[in-house]
Protein backbone atom coordinates (compact mmCIF):
# COMPACT_ATOMS: atom_id res chain seq x y z
CA MET A 1 4.57 -149.53 -123.10
CA ALA A 2 8.29 -150.10 -123.72
CA SER A 3 10.49 -152.71 -125.31
CA ARG A 4 12.66 -155.18 -123.43
CA PHE A 5 16.30 -155.92 -124.35
CA THR A 6 16.23 -159.68 -124.89
CA GLU A 7 19.15 -160.56 -127.19
CA LEU A 8 22.39 -159.10 -128.41
CA ILE A 9 23.39 -160.43 -131.84
CA ILE A 10 27.11 -160.85 -132.48
CA ASP A 11 28.34 -161.56 -136.01
CA CYS A 12 31.29 -163.93 -136.00
CA GLY A 13 33.28 -166.36 -138.08
CA ASP A 14 32.69 -169.43 -135.89
CA ALA A 15 29.47 -169.34 -133.86
CA ALA A 16 30.13 -172.63 -132.06
CA THR A 17 33.57 -171.60 -130.80
CA LEU A 18 32.56 -168.08 -129.80
CA GLY A 19 29.29 -169.24 -128.24
CA ARG A 20 31.11 -171.80 -126.09
CA PHE A 21 33.74 -169.21 -125.07
CA TRP A 22 31.13 -166.70 -123.91
CA ALA A 23 28.99 -169.39 -122.26
CA ALA A 24 32.04 -170.31 -120.16
CA VAL A 25 32.89 -166.65 -119.41
CA LEU A 26 29.35 -165.86 -118.22
CA ASP A 27 28.35 -169.30 -116.90
CA TYR A 28 25.44 -169.27 -119.37
CA ASP A 29 23.86 -172.26 -121.05
CA ILE A 30 23.70 -172.93 -124.77
CA THR A 31 19.94 -172.94 -125.32
CA ASP A 32 19.76 -173.16 -129.11
CA GLU A 33 22.29 -174.14 -131.76
CA ASP A 34 22.19 -174.85 -135.47
CA HIS A 35 24.75 -174.94 -138.28
CA ASP A 36 25.47 -171.19 -138.23
CA SER A 37 24.23 -169.77 -134.93
CA VAL A 38 24.41 -170.35 -131.18
CA LEU A 39 22.21 -168.76 -128.52
CA ILE A 40 23.44 -168.59 -124.93
CA GLU A 41 21.30 -167.52 -122.00
CA GLY A 42 21.71 -167.12 -118.27
CA PRO A 43 19.17 -167.70 -115.53
CA ALA A 44 15.88 -165.82 -115.82
CA GLY A 45 16.42 -162.16 -115.00
CA SER A 46 20.17 -162.23 -115.61
CA GLY A 47 20.04 -160.09 -118.73
CA PRO A 48 19.80 -160.56 -122.47
CA GLY A 49 20.83 -163.68 -124.29
CA LEU A 50 23.73 -163.54 -126.72
CA LEU A 51 23.15 -164.89 -130.22
CA PHE A 52 26.30 -165.65 -132.19
CA SER A 53 25.55 -165.62 -135.90
CA GLU A 54 28.11 -166.64 -138.51
CA SER A 55 29.09 -164.04 -141.07
CA THR A 56 31.74 -163.96 -143.76
CA ASP A 57 32.36 -160.23 -143.17
CA PRO A 58 35.78 -159.76 -141.55
CA LYS A 59 36.30 -157.66 -138.41
CA THR A 60 38.21 -154.60 -139.67
CA GLN A 61 38.18 -152.09 -136.80
CA LYS A 62 37.54 -151.57 -133.09
CA ASN A 63 34.03 -152.56 -132.05
CA ARG A 64 31.59 -149.70 -131.51
CA LEU A 65 29.80 -151.76 -128.87
CA HIS A 66 31.50 -153.99 -126.32
CA ILE A 67 30.63 -156.11 -123.32
CA ASP A 68 31.80 -155.32 -119.77
CA VAL A 69 32.00 -158.19 -117.29
CA ASN A 70 32.67 -158.36 -113.55
CA PRO A 71 34.04 -161.31 -111.62
CA THR A 72 31.61 -162.77 -109.11
CA ASP A 73 33.67 -165.20 -107.05
CA ARG A 74 37.32 -164.13 -107.38
CA ASN A 75 39.39 -161.00 -107.74
CA GLN A 76 40.10 -159.26 -111.02
CA ALA A 77 43.61 -160.71 -111.48
CA GLU A 78 42.36 -164.26 -110.93
CA GLU A 79 39.51 -163.71 -113.37
CA VAL A 80 41.91 -162.35 -116.01
CA GLU A 81 43.89 -165.58 -115.77
CA ARG A 82 40.70 -167.69 -116.03
CA LEU A 83 39.57 -165.77 -119.12
CA ILE A 84 42.99 -166.08 -120.75
CA GLY A 85 42.81 -169.82 -120.07
CA LEU A 86 39.49 -169.88 -121.93
CA GLY A 87 41.02 -168.18 -124.99
CA ALA A 88 40.92 -164.43 -124.29
CA ARG A 89 43.99 -162.23 -124.66
CA ARG A 90 45.04 -158.86 -123.29
CA ILE A 91 44.93 -156.00 -125.78
CA ASP A 92 45.81 -152.32 -125.83
CA ILE A 93 43.31 -150.00 -127.48
CA GLY A 94 44.92 -146.88 -126.04
CA GLN A 95 43.14 -147.16 -122.70
CA GLY A 96 46.18 -146.16 -120.64
CA ASP A 97 46.37 -147.04 -116.95
CA GLN A 98 42.82 -147.89 -115.88
CA SER A 99 41.07 -149.94 -113.19
CA TRP A 100 39.70 -152.33 -115.83
CA GLU A 101 41.44 -154.82 -118.09
CA VAL A 102 40.81 -154.74 -121.83
CA LEU A 103 40.70 -158.19 -123.39
CA ALA A 104 39.73 -159.70 -126.72
CA ASP A 105 37.70 -162.86 -127.23
CA PRO A 106 38.98 -165.61 -129.58
CA GLU A 107 37.81 -163.62 -132.65
CA GLY A 108 39.32 -160.31 -131.51
CA ASN A 109 36.16 -158.65 -130.15
CA GLU A 110 37.10 -156.26 -127.37
CA PHE A 111 35.58 -156.56 -123.90
CA CYS A 112 36.43 -155.15 -120.49
CA LEU A 113 36.88 -156.94 -117.21
CA LEU A 114 35.96 -154.54 -114.43
CA ARG A 115 36.85 -154.89 -110.77
CA ARG A 116 34.64 -157.13 -108.65
CA ARG A 117 31.29 -155.39 -108.22
CA VAL A 118 28.67 -158.12 -108.28
CA ALA A 119 27.89 -161.06 -106.03
């Protein structure tokens, strides 16, 4: 018997804002929300839910774990512009010239936008 990866918990300063950002990025639904946490989930079988949990601890360094995303219905450049419109920003973490774009969410958490790979 094994365990199943069902949720990724992300500490943040503002769960509502970050939860809504990531729900829009991934086209997930907010399935549970209270005063200090927001759970977003995709369709069954789409992967783990993301639980944004408010914390007063500040982000002080590069994340040791990050999310990679792939556009599904547009090219990488178009998806970068959509994500920036949602509140992401381009960042440089020393990645050099790569095929992926490194971005940060509204609270500065790094994530990568890969080239289109999924339908």
